[in-house]
Protein backbone atom coordinates (compact mmCIF):
# COMPACT_ATOMS: atom_id res chain seq x y z
CA VAL A 1 -87.66 -1.74 58.50
CA ARG A 2 -85.49 -1.37 56.01
CA GLU A 3 -88.18 0.49 53.84
CA LEU A 4 -89.24 2.25 57.38
CA CYS A 5 -85.33 3.68 57.60
CA LYS A 6 -84.41 4.45 53.50
CA GLY A 7 -82.57 7.52 53.70
CA LEU A 8 -81.50 7.38 57.10
CA PRO A 9 -77.97 6.38 59.07
CA PRO A 10 -78.10 2.79 58.76
CA GLU A 11 -77.75 2.88 63.31
CA PHE A 12 -81.70 3.97 63.13
CA GLY A 13 -82.28 0.30 61.38
CA THR A 14 -80.67 -1.41 63.90
CA LEU A 15 -81.76 0.06 66.86
CA LEU A 16 -85.32 -0.51 65.19
CA SER A 17 -83.99 -4.17 64.68
CA TYR A 18 -82.80 -4.15 68.03
CA THR A 19 -85.74 -2.69 70.14
CA ARG A 20 -88.26 -5.09 67.76
CA ASN A 21 -86.45 -8.34 68.94
CA LEU A 22 -86.84 -7.60 72.41
CA LYS A 23 -88.73 -10.09 74.28
CA PHE A 24 -91.86 -8.53 76.13
CA ASP A 25 -90.15 -8.55 79.54
CA GLU A 26 -87.12 -8.07 79.01
CA THR A 27 -84.60 -4.83 79.75
CA PRO A 28 -83.24 -3.54 76.76
CA ASN A 29 -79.66 -2.48 77.11
CA TYR A 30 -80.14 1.38 77.48
CA ASN A 31 -76.46 2.23 77.04
CA TYR A 32 -76.34 0.20 73.45
CA CYS A 33 -78.88 2.43 72.00
CA ARG A 34 -77.64 5.66 73.23
CA LYS A 35 -74.16 4.37 71.56
CA LEU A 36 -76.02 3.58 68.94
CA LEU A 37 -78.01 7.37 68.68
CA ARG A 38 -74.48 8.85 69.64
CA GLU A 39 -72.43 7.65 66.91
CA VAL A 40 -75.30 9.38 64.22
CA PHE A 41 -74.93 12.60 66.32
CA GLU A 42 -71.03 12.68 66.24
CA GLN A 43 -71.07 11.71 62.46
CA GLY A 44 -73.57 14.32 61.71
CA SER A 45 -71.23 17.11 63.39
CA TYR A 46 -74.82 18.26 65.09
CA THR A 47 -73.93 20.84 68.33
CA LEU A 48 -75.38 19.82 71.48
CA ASP A 49 -77.10 23.16 71.73
CA TYR A 50 -80.26 21.80 73.95
CA LEU A 51 -82.68 23.05 71.21
CA TYR A 52 -84.44 20.96 69.39
CA ASP A 53 -87.10 20.82 66.59
CA TRP A 54 -90.53 20.94 68.37
CA THR A 55 -89.54 23.71 71.07
CA ILE A 56 -87.94 26.13 67.70
CA LYS A 57 -90.80 25.25 65.50
CA GLN A 58 -92.90 26.31 69.31
CA ASN A 59 -90.93 29.45 69.34
CA GLU A 60 -91.28 30.35 65.79
CA GLY A 61 -95.16 29.89 66.29
CA GLN A 62 -95.30 32.15 69.47
CA ALA A 63 -93.09 34.97 67.81
CA ALA A 64 -95.19 34.94 64.61
CA ASN A 65 -98.35 35.19 66.83
CA SER A 66 -96.65 38.17 68.60
CA SER A 67 -95.82 40.04 65.68
CA SER A 68 -99.16 39.57 63.84
CA SER A 69 -100.66 40.66 67.07
CA ARG A 70 -98.58 43.94 66.78
CA GLY A 71 -99.10 44.19 62.88
CA GLY A 72 -96.29 42.85 61.64
CA ALA A 73 -95.95 40.15 59.01
CA ALA A 74 -92.81 37.92 60.37
CA GLU A 75 -93.84 34.56 58.11
CA GLY A 76 -90.91 33.06 56.52
CA GLY A 77 -89.50 28.95 56.11
CA GLU A 78 -86.24 29.73 57.35
CA PRO A 79 -85.12 29.02 60.72
CA SER A 80 -83.79 32.24 62.32
CA ALA A 81 -79.73 32.28 62.52
CA GLN A 82 -79.93 31.72 66.45
CA HIS A 83 -81.48 28.59 65.86
CA ALA A 84 -79.16 27.20 62.63
CA SER A 85 -77.07 25.14 65.19
CA THR A 86 -79.48 22.69 65.30
CA ARG A 87 -78.18 21.55 62.08
CA PRO A 88 -75.43 19.71 61.06
CA ASN A 89 -72.67 21.76 60.64
CA ALA A 90 -69.61 19.84 59.03
CA GLY A 91 -67.27 22.57 59.83
CA ASP A 92 -67.78 22.91 63.42
CA SER A 93 -65.21 21.33 65.76
CA THR A 94 -66.41 22.68 68.88
CA GLU A 95 -68.79 19.95 69.48
CA ALA A 96 -69.49 19.17 73.28
CA SER A 97 -68.07 15.35 74.63
CA GLY A 98 -70.14 13.22 75.92
CA ALA A 99 -69.15 14.11 79.56
CA ASP A 100 -69.50 17.80 78.79
CA ALA A 101 -73.27 17.55 77.72
CA ARG A 102 -74.17 15.33 81.04
CA ALA A 103 -72.54 17.94 82.83
CA LYS A 104 -74.69 20.97 81.30
CA ALA A 105 -77.33 18.96 81.83
CA GLY A 106 -77.00 18.28 85.33
CA GLN A 107 -76.96 14.48 84.76
């Protein structure tokens, strides 16, 4: 677990160790798991914008296909400005609280 999580926040190692030690029929403590991941989110100064890496890449792929079918060359490795908020932003103090995030998500 230590080697697998090298370079990651320690909460990932804690989470993997916790889940690895669960018995087959044991129900995980989901609140504990969410707490660990929430700590990483808050310490990393991420913004809850409901944009995820896989949807950004999917949207960029669709945009590239769309522009190439029109003869444009919209290739590039940098994310667009509208998606920049998915990256950590230490200067951003406008993070949504957990209650706000759940309300937005309709939970």
